[in-house]
């Protein structure tokens, strides 16, 4: 069910392939899952998909046929090769026309689109490395591996050598059955920086989770609808993570959530190991506004042992309750407008 993309049949004997894709079950029996950054290169250009591609084999003799692309569905918010949270939306669906052997799903078998909320899976990851300097026989590589979360993103990561450029869009398959040619698609190579880390190492690979945004795009593609318009350039709703680098958050000591700003969205109060206290206002769309410092570094708040938020005074403003190392408990009323005055 896995193949590579090309711009023309003449490229089948060339030195490079393009991106990877996999056949996913659909009503029209002609849908391919790939990466959003791959699809953006294909828009407005002739492209073909070759399942089980055989290098050097003429188009007429490719074992599973040649399938021309007829349509591409990309989330309207996606921005190519970004390192921002919007990289969580790096997936796309390509529709292909029937070939001489029939609809692609009938010819090749199909994988099942399987939405998930978990970032931990046991998967088979498949892809076609593009350059013949690292893939002389132009064969697909695969790895059976466990996934984990890419910190600060709604993405999975896996470590396995050999996944060079060209594997983008390749499937992450859970429960693969080689005899029946079936399995569940829980992701596809892509995401942060196009699917790899800042050093572009071939042994680190990422995939956006097939969450609710992927479901919405799949539903549109499956129904032959133009993807629904969404606000551009906003973090994916699946990506509710605090701002800043991971090493910053190693110094977070305590956290409390609540609508401290009175906007109807949940904010985040953080007590840091040096006693500083900051407020991150929630934007209601999976992200946060600019940090607001409630207290600078101090010796008092280094002794806080617990904090919790709530409207304890009945004033329809969120308060903050703090417990201290000497067992004292302090209530700070209406933290949003008043700060941390007693």
C-alpha atoms as a PDB file:
ATOM      1  CA  UNK A   1       0.000   0.000   0.000  1.00  0.00           C
ATOM      2  CA  UNK A   2       3.068   2.284   0.024  1.00  0.00           C
ATOM      3  CA  UNK A   3       4.595   4.106  -2.943  1.00  0.00           C
ATOM      4  CA  UNK A   4       6.463   7.171  -4.163  1.00  0.00           C
ATOM      5  CA  UNK A   5       5.485  10.321  -6.049  1.00  0.00           C
ATOM      6  CA  UNK A   6       7.005  11.490  -9.338  1.00  0.00           C
ATOM      7  CA  UNK A   7       6.396  14.393 -11.692  1.00  0.00           C
ATOM      8  CA  UNK A   8       6.439  12.196 -14.804  1.00  0.00           C
ATOM      9  CA  UNK A   9       6.908   8.631 -15.980  1.00  0.00           C
ATOM     10  CA  UNK A  10      10.393   9.489 -17.270  1.00  0.00           C
ATOM     11  CA  UNK A  11      11.540  10.052 -13.664  1.00  0.00           C
ATOM     12  CA  UNK A  12      11.045   6.370 -12.850  1.00  0.00           C
ATOM     13  CA  UNK A  13      14.580   5.613 -14.024  1.00  0.00           C
ATOM     14  CA  UNK A  14      16.164   8.734 -12.501  1.00  0.00           C
ATOM     15  CA  UNK A  15      18.482   9.133  -9.535  1.00  0.00           C
ATOM     16  CA  UNK A  16      15.917  10.456  -7.059  1.00  0.00           C
ATOM     17  CA  UNK A  17      12.361   9.821  -5.972  1.00  0.00           C
ATOM     18  CA  UNK A  18      10.074  12.386  -4.404  1.00  0.00           C
ATOM     19  CA  UNK A  19       7.913  11.940  -1.312  1.00  0.00           C
ATOM     20  CA  UNK A  20       6.201   8.823   0.024  1.00  0.00           C
ATOM     21  CA  UNK A  21       2.490   8.075   0.406  1.00  0.00           C
ATOM     22  CA  UNK A  22       0.172   5.243   1.408  1.00  0.00           C
ATOM     23  CA  UNK A  23      -3.255   4.088   0.269  1.00  0.00           C
ATOM     24  CA  UNK A  24      -5.979   4.803   2.824  1.00  0.00           C
ATOM     25  CA  UNK A  25      -9.504   3.421   2.641  1.00  0.00           C
ATOM     26  CA  UNK A  26     -12.066   5.875   1.283  1.00  0.00           C
ATOM     27  CA  UNK A  27     -15.487   5.948  -0.331  1.00  0.00           C
ATOM     28  CA  UNK A  28     -14.005   6.653  -3.749  1.00  0.00           C
ATOM     29  CA  UNK A  29     -11.291   4.011  -3.335  1.00  0.00           C
ATOM     30  CA  UNK A  30      -8.581   6.360  -4.566  1.00  0.00           C
ATOM     31  CA  UNK A  31      -7.141   8.281  -1.588  1.00  0.00           C
ATOM     32  CA  UNK A  32      -3.463   8.598  -0.590  1.00  0.00           C
ATOM     33  CA  UNK A  33      -2.186   9.922   2.749  1.00  0.00           C
ATOM     34  CA  UNK A  34       1.034  11.927   2.568  1.00  0.00           C
ATOM     35  CA  UNK A  35       2.676  14.944   4.211  1.00  0.00           C
ATOM     36  CA  UNK A  36       1.334  18.470   3.869  1.00  0.00           C
ATOM     37  CA  UNK A  37       4.761  19.828   2.916  1.00  0.00           C
ATOM     38  CA  UNK A  38       4.924  17.238   0.129  1.00  0.00           C
ATOM     39  CA  UNK A  39       1.492  18.228  -1.161  1.00  0.00           C
ATOM     40  CA  UNK A  40       2.363  21.930  -1.275  1.00  0.00           C
ATOM     41  CA  UNK A  41       5.074  21.138  -3.828  1.00  0.00           C
ATOM     42  CA  UNK A  42       2.571  19.233  -5.952  1.00  0.00           C
ATOM     43  CA  UNK A  43      -0.159  21.885  -6.164  1.00  0.00           C
ATOM     44  CA  UNK A  44      -0.718  22.960  -9.762  1.00  0.00           C
ATOM     45  CA  UNK A  45       1.771  20.454 -11.159  1.00  0.00           C
ATOM     46  CA  UNK A  46       1.436  17.106 -12.859  1.00  0.00           C
ATOM     47  CA  UNK A  47       2.218  14.270 -10.466  1.00  0.00           C
ATOM     48  CA  UNK A  48       1.882  10.495 -10.454  1.00  0.00           C
ATOM     49  CA  UNK A  49       1.862   7.970  -7.627  1.00  0.00           C
ATOM     50  CA  UNK A  50       3.597   4.618  -8.085  1.00  0.00           C
ATOM     51  CA  UNK A  51       2.753   2.010  -5.507  1.00  0.00           C
ATOM     52  CA  UNK A  52       5.512  -0.549  -4.805  1.00  0.00           C
ATOM     53  CA  UNK A  53       7.804   1.418  -7.106  1.00  0.00           C
ATOM     54  CA  UNK A  54      10.474  -0.570  -8.965  1.00  0.00           C
ATOM     55  CA  UNK A  55      13.457   1.525 -10.038  1.00  0.00           C
ATOM     56  CA  UNK A  56      14.436   1.198 -13.701  1.00  0.00           C
ATOM     57  CA  UNK A  57      11.178  -0.536 -14.623  1.00  0.00           C
ATOM     58  CA  UNK A  58       9.190   1.141 -17.435  1.00  0.00           C
ATOM     59  CA  UNK A  59       5.852   2.656 -16.480  1.00  0.00           C
ATOM     60  CA  UNK A  60       3.958  -0.012 -18.381  1.00  0.00           C
ATOM     61  CA  UNK A  61       5.653  -2.723 -16.324  1.00  0.00           C
ATOM     62  CA  UNK A  62       5.362  -1.231 -12.857  1.00  0.00           C
ATOM     63  CA  UNK A  63       3.755  -4.066 -10.842  1.00  0.00           C
ATOM     64  CA  UNK A  64       0.891  -2.013  -9.403  1.00  0.00           C
ATOM     65  CA  UNK A  65       0.408   0.542 -12.141  1.00  0.00           C
ATOM     66  CA  UNK A  66       0.773   4.331 -12.460  1.00  0.00           C
ATOM     67  CA  UNK A  67      -1.869   6.557 -10.861  1.00  0.00           C
ATOM     68  CA  UNK A  68      -2.123  10.250 -11.838  1.00  0.00           C
ATOM     69  CA  UNK A  69      -3.084  12.719  -9.101  1.00  0.00           C
ATOM     70  CA  UNK A  70      -6.348  14.560  -9.639  1.00  0.00           C
ATOM     71  CA  UNK A  71      -6.777  16.508  -6.396  1.00  0.00           C
ATOM     72  CA  UNK A  72      -4.927  17.514  -3.230  1.00  0.00           C
ATOM     73  CA  UNK A  73      -6.450  18.338   0.164  1.00  0.00           C
ATOM     74  CA  UNK A  74      -4.272  20.328   2.597  1.00  0.00           C
ATOM     75  CA  UNK A  75      -5.329  21.994   5.848  1.00  0.00           C
ATOM     76  CA  UNK A  76      -5.652  25.713   4.935  1.00  0.00           C
ATOM     77  CA  UNK A  77      -3.715  26.703   8.068  1.00  0.00           C
ATOM     78  CA  UNK A  78      -0.629  24.662   7.277  1.00  0.00           C
ATOM     79  CA  UNK A  79       2.687  26.444   6.570  1.00  0.00           C
ATOM     80  CA  UNK A  80       5.408  24.380   4.885  1.00  0.00           C
ATOM     81  CA  UNK A  81       8.507  23.211   6.800  1.00  0.00           C
ATOM     82  CA  UNK A  82       7.752  25.286   9.839  1.00  0.00           C
ATOM     83  CA  UNK A  83       9.006  24.644  13.347  1.00  0.00           C
ATOM     84  CA  UNK A  84       5.954  26.328  14.878  1.00  0.00           C
ATOM     85  CA  UNK A  85       2.981  24.504  16.458  1.00  0.00           C
ATOM     86  CA  UNK A  86       1.168  24.721  13.102  1.00  0.00           C
ATOM     87  CA  UNK A  87       3.540  21.948  11.966  1.00  0.00           C
ATOM     88  CA  UNK A  88       1.101  19.660  13.804  1.00  0.00           C
ATOM     89  CA  UNK A  89      -1.009  20.054  10.634  1.00  0.00           C
ATOM     90  CA  UNK A  90       1.597  18.583   8.262  1.00  0.00           C
ATOM     91  CA  UNK A  91      -0.627  15.995   6.583  1.00  0.00           C
ATOM     92  CA  UNK A  92      -2.525  15.892   3.297  1.00  0.00           C
ATOM     93  CA  UNK A  93      -4.658  13.625   1.154  1.00  0.00           C
ATOM     94  CA  UNK A  94      -4.094  13.105  -2.555  1.00  0.00           C
ATOM     95  CA  UNK A  95      -6.822  11.695  -4.776  1.00  0.00           C
ATOM     96  CA  UNK A  96      -5.715   9.584  -7.746  1.00  0.00           C
ATOM     97  CA  UNK A  97      -7.529   8.531 -10.895  1.00  0.00           C
ATOM     98  CA  UNK A  98      -8.018   4.853 -11.740  1.00  0.00           C
ATOM     99  CA  UNK A  99      -5.244   3.197 -13.766  1.00  0.00           C
ATOM    100  CA  UNK A 100      -5.499   0.463 -16.363  1.00  0.00           C
ATOM    101  CA  UNK A 101      -5.780  -2.086 -13.560  1.00  0.00           C
ATOM    102  CA  UNK A 102      -8.612  -0.277 -11.747  1.00  0.00           C
ATOM    103  CA  UNK A 103      -8.969   1.867  -8.629  1.00  0.00           C
ATOM    104  CA  UNK A 104      -5.805   1.943  -6.564  1.00  0.00           C
ATOM    105  CA  UNK A 105      -7.521   0.519  -3.495  1.00  0.00           C
ATOM    106  CA  UNK A 106      -8.741  -2.488  -5.471  1.00  0.00           C
ATOM    107  CA  UNK A 107      -5.287  -3.082  -6.914  1.00  0.00           C
ATOM    108  CA  UNK A 108      -3.110  -2.619  -3.850  1.00  0.00           C
ATOM    109  CA  UNK A 109      -5.188  -3.219  -0.765  1.00  0.00           C
ATOM    110  CA  UNK A 110      -5.585  -0.462   1.774  1.00  0.00           C
ATOM    111  CA  UNK A 111      -4.744   0.799   5.208  1.00  0.00           C
ATOM    112  CA  UNK A 112      -7.371   2.109   7.613  1.00  0.00           C
ATOM    113  CA  UNK A 113      -7.313   5.721   8.787  1.00  0.00           C
ATOM    114  CA  UNK A 114      -7.253   5.381  12.581  1.00  0.00           C
ATOM    115  CA  UNK A 115      -7.627   8.592  14.635  1.00  0.00           C
ATOM    116  CA  UNK A 116      -5.988   8.459  18.043  1.00  0.00           C
ATOM    117  CA  UNK A 117      -5.372  10.622  21.087  1.00  0.00           C
ATOM    118  CA  UNK A 118      -2.330   8.633  22.203  1.00  0.00           C
ATOM    119  CA  UNK A 119       1.217   9.524  21.223  1.00  0.00           C
ATOM    120  CA  UNK A 120       2.587   6.123  22.206  1.00  0.00           C
ATOM    121  CA  UNK A 121       2.207   3.327  19.676  1.00  0.00           C
ATOM    122  CA  UNK A 122       4.031   0.297  18.322  1.00  0.00           C
ATOM    123  CA  UNK A 123       4.257   0.950  14.602  1.00  0.00           C
ATOM    124  CA  UNK A 124       5.876   0.013  11.326  1.00  0.00           C
ATOM    125  CA  UNK A 125       7.236   3.154   9.657  1.00  0.00           C
ATOM    126  CA  UNK A 126       7.848   2.971   5.895  1.00  0.00           C
ATOM    127  CA  UNK A 127       9.406   5.382   3.415  1.00  0.00           C
ATOM    128  CA  UNK A 128      11.390   5.767   0.198  1.00  0.00           C
ATOM    129  CA  UNK A 129      14.700   7.623   0.777  1.00  0.00           C
ATOM    130  CA  UNK A 130      15.060   9.789  -2.297  1.00  0.00           C
ATOM    131  CA  UNK A 131      18.749  10.083  -3.165  1.00  0.00           C
ATOM    132  CA  UNK A 132      20.560   7.106  -4.695  1.00  0.00           C
ATOM    133  CA  UNK A 133      23.676   8.021  -2.702  1.00  0.00           C
ATOM    134  CA  UNK A 134      21.922   6.611   0.386  1.00  0.00           C
ATOM    135  CA  UNK A 135      19.412   4.324  -1.357  1.00  0.00           C
ATOM    136  CA  UNK A 136      21.197   2.846  -4.366  1.00  0.00           C
ATOM    137  CA  UNK A 137      18.490   0.295  -5.126  1.00  0.00           C
ATOM    138  CA  UNK A 138      15.641   2.778  -4.571  1.00  0.00           C
ATOM    139  CA  UNK A 139      13.916   0.396  -2.201  1.00  0.00           C
ATOM    140  CA  UNK A 140      11.568   1.267   0.612  1.00  0.00           C
ATOM    141  CA  UNK A 141      12.988   1.167   4.134  1.00  0.00           C
ATOM    142  CA  UNK A 142      10.942   0.205   7.147  1.00  0.00           C
ATOM    143  CA  UNK A 143      11.339  -0.014  10.887  1.00  0.00           C
ATOM    144  CA  UNK A 144       9.235  -1.639  13.599  1.00  0.00           C
ATOM    145  CA  UNK A 145       9.525   0.704  16.536  1.00  0.00           C
ATOM    146  CA  UNK A 146       7.798   2.241  19.557  1.00  0.00           C
ATOM    147  CA  UNK A 147       6.852   5.918  19.456  1.00  0.00           C
ATOM    148  CA  UNK A 148       6.982   8.621  22.099  1.00  0.00           C
ATOM    149  CA  UNK A 149       5.868  12.242  22.260  1.00  0.00           C
ATOM    150  CA  UNK A 150       7.826  15.047  20.644  1.00  0.00           C
ATOM    151  CA  UNK A 151       7.887  17.548  23.552  1.00  0.00           C
ATOM    152  CA  UNK A 152       5.762  20.687  23.097  1.00  0.00           C
ATOM    153  CA  UNK A 153       4.035  19.346  19.974  1.00  0.00           C
ATOM    154  CA  UNK A 154       1.097  17.106  19.166  1.00  0.00           C
ATOM    155  CA  UNK A 155       3.488  14.813  17.339  1.00  0.00           C
ATOM    156  CA  UNK A 156       5.070  11.389  17.700  1.00  0.00           C
ATOM    157  CA  UNK A 157       8.753  10.662  17.343  1.00  0.00           C
ATOM    158  CA  UNK A 158      10.744   7.530  16.689  1.00  0.00           C
ATOM    159  CA  UNK A 159      14.436   6.691  16.377  1.00  0.00           C
ATOM    160  CA  UNK A 160      15.606   4.340  13.636  1.00  0.00           C
ATOM    161  CA  UNK A 161      18.479   4.744  11.167  1.00  0.00           C
ATOM    162  CA  UNK A 162      18.083   5.105   7.421  1.00  0.00           C
ATOM    163  CA  UNK A 163      15.184   7.564   7.169  1.00  0.00           C
ATOM    164  CA  UNK A 164      16.743  10.134   4.865  1.00  0.00           C
ATOM    165  CA  UNK A 165      14.969  12.779   2.795  1.00  0.00           C
ATOM    166  CA  UNK A 166      12.196  11.352   0.629  1.00  0.00           C
ATOM    167  CA  UNK A 167      10.513   9.374   3.413  1.00  0.00           C
ATOM    168  CA  UNK A 168       8.194  12.319   4.133  1.00  0.00           C
ATOM    169  CA  UNK A 169       4.562  11.272   3.928  1.00  0.00           C
ATOM    170  CA  UNK A 170       5.356   7.626   4.654  1.00  0.00           C
ATOM    171  CA  UNK A 171       2.889   5.748   6.862  1.00  0.00           C
ATOM    172  CA  UNK A 172       3.134   4.945  10.558  1.00  0.00           C
ATOM    173  CA  UNK A 173       1.167   1.696  10.719  1.00  0.00           C
ATOM    174  CA  UNK A 174      -0.149   0.074  13.869  1.00  0.00           C
ATOM    175  CA  UNK A 175      -1.122  -3.607  13.832  1.00  0.00           C
ATOM    176  CA  UNK A 176       0.334  -4.276  10.386  1.00  0.00           C
ATOM    177  CA  UNK A 177      -0.672  -7.673   8.967  1.00  0.00           C
ATOM    178  CA  UNK A 178       1.623  -8.591   6.066  1.00  0.00           C
ATOM    179  CA  UNK A 179      -0.478 -11.574   5.012  1.00  0.00           C
ATOM    180  CA  UNK A 180      -3.728  -9.622   4.820  1.00  0.00           C
ATOM    181  CA  UNK A 181      -2.052  -6.343   3.795  1.00  0.00           C
ATOM    182  CA  UNK A 182      -3.952  -4.441   6.454  1.00  0.00           C
ATOM    183  CA  UNK A 183      -3.138  -2.078   9.294  1.00  0.00           C
ATOM    184  CA  UNK A 184      -4.145   1.152  11.006  1.00  0.00           C
ATOM    185  CA  UNK A 185      -2.694   4.486   9.936  1.00  0.00           C
ATOM    186  CA  UNK A 186      -1.943   6.490  13.081  1.00  0.00           C
ATOM    187  CA  UNK A 187       0.425   8.970  11.434  1.00  0.00           C
ATOM    188  CA  UNK A 188       2.647   9.875   8.489  1.00  0.00           C
ATOM    189  CA  UNK A 189       6.200  11.200   8.433  1.00  0.00           C
ATOM    190  CA  UNK A 190       6.278  14.991   8.696  1.00  0.00           C
ATOM    191  CA  UNK A 191       5.653  17.719  11.251  1.00  0.00           C
ATOM    192  CA  UNK A 192       8.386  19.759  12.924  1.00  0.00           C
ATOM    193  CA  UNK A 193      10.926  20.899  10.298  1.00  0.00           C
ATOM    194  CA  UNK A 194       9.297  18.607   7.755  1.00  0.00           C
ATOM    195  CA  UNK A 195       9.648  15.518   9.938  1.00  0.00           C
ATOM    196  CA  UNK A 196      13.119  15.667  11.486  1.00  0.00           C
ATOM    197  CA  UNK A 197      15.203  17.458  14.074  1.00  0.00           C
ATOM    198  CA  UNK A 198      17.265  20.635  13.624  1.00  0.00           C
ATOM    199  CA  UNK A 199      20.359  18.639  12.649  1.00  0.00           C
ATOM    200  CA  UNK A 200      18.373  16.692  10.038  1.00  0.00           C
ATOM    201  CA  UNK A 201      19.621  13.384  11.438  1.00  0.00           C
ATOM    202  CA  UNK A 202      18.426  10.327   9.516  1.00  0.00           C
ATOM    203  CA  UNK A 203      17.755   8.400  12.706  1.00  0.00           C
ATOM    204  CA  UNK A 204      15.216  10.835  14.232  1.00  0.00           C
ATOM    205  CA  UNK A 205      11.791  11.028  12.579  1.00  0.00           C
ATOM    206  CA  UNK A 206       8.518  12.754  13.504  1.00  0.00           C
ATOM    207  CA  UNK A 207       4.855  12.401  12.621  1.00  0.00           C
ATOM    208  CA  UNK A 208       1.818  14.541  13.443  1.00  0.00           C
ATOM    209  CA  UNK A 209      -0.838  12.651  15.332  1.00  0.00           C
ATOM    210  CA  UNK A 210      -3.950  11.665  13.411  1.00  0.00           C
ATOM    211  CA  UNK A 211      -6.090  13.726  15.791  1.00  0.00           C
ATOM    212  CA  UNK A 212      -9.228  15.774  15.262  1.00  0.00           C
ATOM    213  CA  UNK A 213      -7.656  18.103  12.694  1.00  0.00           C
ATOM    214  CA  UNK A 214      -6.581  15.145  10.572  1.00  0.00           C
ATOM    215  CA  UNK A 215     -10.065  13.654  10.983  1.00  0.00           C
ATOM    216  CA  UNK A 216     -11.662  16.862   9.692  1.00  0.00           C
ATOM    217  CA  UNK A 217      -9.387  16.883   6.642  1.00  0.00           C
ATOM    218  CA  UNK A 218      -9.990  13.177   5.990  1.00  0.00           C
ATOM    219  CA  UNK A 219     -13.756  13.688   6.188  1.00  0.00           C
ATOM    220  CA  UNK A 220     -13.525  16.514   3.646  1.00  0.00           C
ATOM    221  CA  UNK A 221     -11.345  14.457   1.305  1.00  0.00           C
ATOM    222  CA  UNK A 222     -13.527  11.387   1.693  1.00  0.00           C
ATOM    223  CA  UNK A 223     -16.630  13.420   0.784  1.00  0.00           C
ATOM    224  CA  UNK A 224     -14.919  15.226  -2.113  1.00  0.00           C
ATOM    225  CA  UNK A 225     -15.384  18.549  -0.317  1.00  0.00           C
ATOM    226  CA  UNK A 226     -13.033  21.489  -0.400  1.00  0.00           C
ATOM    227  CA  UNK A 227     -11.338  21.631   3.029  1.00  0.00           C
ATOM    228  CA  UNK A 228     -13.317  23.885   5.342  1.00  0.00           C
ATOM    229  CA  UNK A 229     -11.920  27.393   5.748  1.00  0.00           C
ATOM    230  CA  UNK A 230     -10.188  27.901   9.082  1.00  0.00           C
ATOM    231  CA  UNK A 231      -8.351  30.902  10.579  1.00  0.00           C
ATOM    232  CA  UNK A 232      -4.861  30.933   8.995  1.00  0.00           C
ATOM    233  CA  UNK A 233      -1.577  30.638  10.818  1.00  0.00           C
ATOM    234  CA  UNK A 234      -2.948  29.689  14.235  1.00  0.00           C
ATOM    235  CA  UNK A 235      -1.673  26.844  16.421  1.00  0.00           C
ATOM    236  CA  UNK A 236      -3.461  23.574  15.852  1.00  0.00           C
ATOM    237  CA  UNK A 237      -6.153  23.032  18.524  1.00  0.00           C
ATOM    238  CA  UNK A 238      -4.455  19.739  19.365  1.00  0.00           C
ATOM    239  CA  UNK A 239      -1.300  21.617  20.402  1.00  0.00           C
ATOM    240  CA  UNK A 240      -2.029  23.046  23.858  1.00  0.00           C
ATOM    241  CA  UNK A 241       1.492  23.288  25.249  1.00  0.00           C
ATOM    242  CA  UNK A 242       3.174  26.014  27.326  1.00  0.00           C
ATOM    243  CA  UNK A 243       5.458  28.398  25.418  1.00  0.00           C
ATOM    244  CA  UNK A 244       9.236  28.385  25.630  1.00  0.00           C
ATOM    245  CA  UNK A 245      11.990  25.825  25.396  1.00  0.00           C
ATOM    246  CA  UNK A 246      12.146  22.593  27.365  1.00  0.00           C
ATOM    247  CA  UNK A 247      15.117  23.714  29.469  1.00  0.00           C
ATOM    248  CA  UNK A 248      13.068  26.694  30.710  1.00  0.00           C
ATOM    249  CA  UNK A 249      10.353  24.439  32.067  1.00  0.00           C
ATOM    250  CA  UNK A 250      12.836  22.384  34.034  1.00  0.00           C
ATOM    251  CA  UNK A 251      12.707  25.278  36.520  1.00  0.00           C
ATOM    252  CA  UNK A 252       8.928  25.261  36.953  1.00  0.00           C
ATOM    253  CA  UNK A 253       8.099  24.274  40.530  1.00  0.00           C
ATOM    254  CA  UNK A 254       4.296  24.617  40.857  1.00  0.00           C
ATOM    255  CA  UNK A 255       1.424  25.321  38.460  1.00  0.00           C
ATOM    256  CA  UNK A 256      -2.248  26.232  38.809  1.00  0.00           C
ATOM    257  CA  UNK A 257      -4.905  26.737  36.125  1.00  0.00           C
ATOM    258  CA  UNK A 258      -7.978  28.970  36.108  1.00  0.00           C
ATOM    259  CA  UNK A 259      -9.623  31.927  34.389  1.00  0.00           C
ATOM    260  CA  UNK A 260      -7.534  34.476  36.271  1.00  0.00           C
ATOM    261  CA  UNK A 261      -7.843  37.068  33.468  1.00  0.00           C
ATOM    262  CA  UNK A 262     -11.644  36.868  33.279  1.00  0.00           C
ATOM    263  CA  UNK A 263     -11.675  36.113  29.539  1.00  0.00           C
ATOM    264  CA  UNK A 264     -13.536  32.818  29.705  1.00  0.00           C
ATOM    265  CA  UNK A 265     -10.324  30.891  28.858  1.00  0.00           C
ATOM    266  CA  UNK A 266      -8.093  28.921  31.193  1.00  0.00           C
ATOM    267  CA  UNK A 267      -4.834  30.640  32.113  1.00  0.00           C
ATOM    268  CA  UNK A 268      -1.731  29.179  33.726  1.00  0.00           C
ATOM    269  CA  UNK A 269       0.077  30.447  36.833  1.00  0.00           C
ATOM    270  CA  UNK A 270       3.619  29.140  37.317  1.00  0.00           C
ATOM    271  CA  UNK A 271       5.786  29.330  40.434  1.00  0.00           C
ATOM    272  CA  UNK A 272       9.473  28.950  39.509  1.00  0.00           C
ATOM    273  CA  UNK A 273      12.295  27.524  41.601  1.00  0.00           C
ATOM    274  CA  UNK A 274      13.737  31.013  42.245  1.00  0.00           C
ATOM    275  CA  UNK A 275      10.418  32.271  43.668  1.00  0.00           C
ATOM    276  CA  UNK A 276       9.293  34.153  40.548  1.00  0.00           C
ATOM    277  CA  UNK A 277       5.564  33.847  39.784  1.00  0.00           C
ATOM    278  CA  UNK A 278       4.191  34.367  36.251  1.00  0.00           C
ATOM    279  CA  UNK A 279       0.817  34.244  34.548  1.00  0.00           C
ATOM    280  CA  UNK A 280       0.306  32.900  31.016  1.00  0.00           C
ATOM    281  CA  UNK A 281      -3.096  34.028  29.636  1.00  0.00           C
ATOM    282  CA  UNK A 282      -4.825  31.315  27.614  1.00  0.00           C
ATOM    283  CA  UNK A 283      -6.094  32.239  24.151  1.00  0.00           C
ATOM    284  CA  UNK A 284      -8.804  29.574  23.978  1.00  0.00           C
ATOM    285  CA  UNK A 285      -7.208  28.044  20.885  1.00  0.00           C
ATOM    286  CA  UNK A 286      -4.568  25.799  22.369  1.00  0.00           C
ATOM    287  CA  UNK A 287      -1.983  28.507  23.030  1.00  0.00           C
ATOM    288  CA  UNK A 288      -1.005  31.337  25.356  1.00  0.00           C
ATOM    289  CA  UNK A 289      -0.502  35.099  25.171  1.00  0.00           C
ATOM    290  CA  UNK A 290       2.481  37.049  26.444  1.00  0.00           C
ATOM    291  CA  UNK A 291       3.807  36.119  29.877  1.00  0.00           C
ATOM    292  CA  UNK A 292       2.794  38.460  32.708  1.00  0.00           C
ATOM    293  CA  UNK A 293       5.128  38.611  35.717  1.00  0.00           C
ATOM    294  CA  UNK A 294       3.233  38.690  39.012  1.00  0.00           C
ATOM    295  CA  UNK A 295       6.335  38.602  41.209  1.00  0.00           C
ATOM    296  CA  UNK A 296      10.036  38.726  40.446  1.00  0.00           C
ATOM    297  CA  UNK A 297      12.601  36.373  41.939  1.00  0.00           C
ATOM    298  CA  UNK A 298      12.200  36.313  45.743  1.00  0.00           C
ATOM    299  CA  UNK A 299      12.858  34.183  48.816  1.00  0.00           C
ATOM    300  CA  UNK A 300       9.238  33.969  49.991  1.00  0.00           C
ATOM    301  CA  UNK A 301       7.758  31.963  47.154  1.00  0.00           C
ATOM    302  CA  UNK A 302      10.627  29.468  47.156  1.00  0.00           C
ATOM    303  CA  UNK A 303       8.881  28.060  50.254  1.00  0.00           C
ATOM    304  CA  UNK A 304       5.522  27.463  48.522  1.00  0.00           C
ATOM    305  CA  UNK A 305       4.661  23.759  48.466  1.00  0.00           C
ATOM    306  CA  UNK A 306       1.325  23.796  46.645  1.00  0.00           C
ATOM    307  CA  UNK A 307      -0.959  26.197  44.734  1.00  0.00           C
ATOM    308  CA  UNK A 308      -4.493  25.865  43.434  1.00  0.00           C
ATOM    309  CA  UNK A 309      -6.908  28.199  41.668  1.00  0.00           C
ATOM    310  CA  UNK A 310     -10.627  28.783  42.146  1.00  0.00           C
ATOM    311  CA  UNK A 311     -13.308  31.374  42.963  1.00  0.00           C
ATOM    312  CA  UNK A 312     -12.993  30.882  46.709  1.00  0.00           C
ATOM    313  CA  UNK A 313     -14.354  34.332  47.667  1.00  0.00           C
ATOM    314  CA  UNK A 314     -17.449  34.240  45.450  1.00  0.00           C
ATOM    315  CA  UNK A 315     -16.471  37.471  43.680  1.00  0.00           C
ATOM    316  CA  UNK A 316     -16.620  35.867  40.218  1.00  0.00           C
ATOM    317  CA  UNK A 317     -12.856  36.280  39.933  1.00  0.00           C
ATOM    318  CA  UNK A 318     -10.354  33.465  40.246  1.00  0.00           C
ATOM    319  CA  UNK A 319      -8.279  33.437  43.415  1.00  0.00           C
ATOM    320  CA  UNK A 320      -5.048  31.599  44.238  1.00  0.00           C
ATOM    321  CA  UNK A 321      -4.564  29.462  47.346  1.00  0.00           C
ATOM    322  CA  UNK A 322      -0.955  28.774  48.393  1.00  0.00           C
ATOM    323  CA  UNK A 323       0.370  26.284  50.934  1.00  0.00           C
ATOM    324  CA  UNK A 324       3.774  26.840  52.542  1.00  0.00           C
ATOM    325  CA  UNK A 325       6.559  24.705  53.962  1.00  0.00           C
ATOM    326  CA  UNK A 326       5.645  25.788  57.554  1.00  0.00           C
ATOM    327  CA  UNK A 327       2.024  24.551  56.990  1.00  0.00           C
ATOM    328  CA  UNK A 328       0.610  28.079  56.667  1.00  0.00           C
ATOM    329  CA  UNK A 329      -2.064  28.568  53.984  1.00  0.00           C
ATOM    330  CA  UNK A 330      -2.618  31.928  52.252  1.00  0.00           C
ATOM    331  CA  UNK A 331      -5.473  33.100  50.027  1.00  0.00           C
ATOM    332  CA  UNK A 332      -4.758  35.695  47.309  1.00  0.00           C
ATOM    333  CA  UNK A 333      -8.075  37.117  46.054  1.00  0.00           C
ATOM    334  CA  UNK A 334      -8.854  38.241  42.499  1.00  0.00           C
ATOM    335  CA  UNK A 335      -5.373  37.508  41.200  1.00  0.00           C
ATOM    336  CA  UNK A 336      -6.100  38.750  37.668  1.00  0.00           C
ATOM    337  CA  UNK A 337      -6.796  42.407  38.523  1.00  0.00           C
ATOM    338  CA  UNK A 338      -4.976  42.573  41.886  1.00  0.00           C
ATOM    339  CA  UNK A 339      -1.891  40.456  41.362  1.00  0.00           C
ATOM    340  CA  UNK A 340      -0.533  38.709  44.459  1.00  0.00           C
ATOM    341  CA  UNK A 341      -1.461  41.327  47.066  1.00  0.00           C
ATOM    342  CA  UNK A 342      -2.683  39.727  50.304  1.00  0.00           C
END
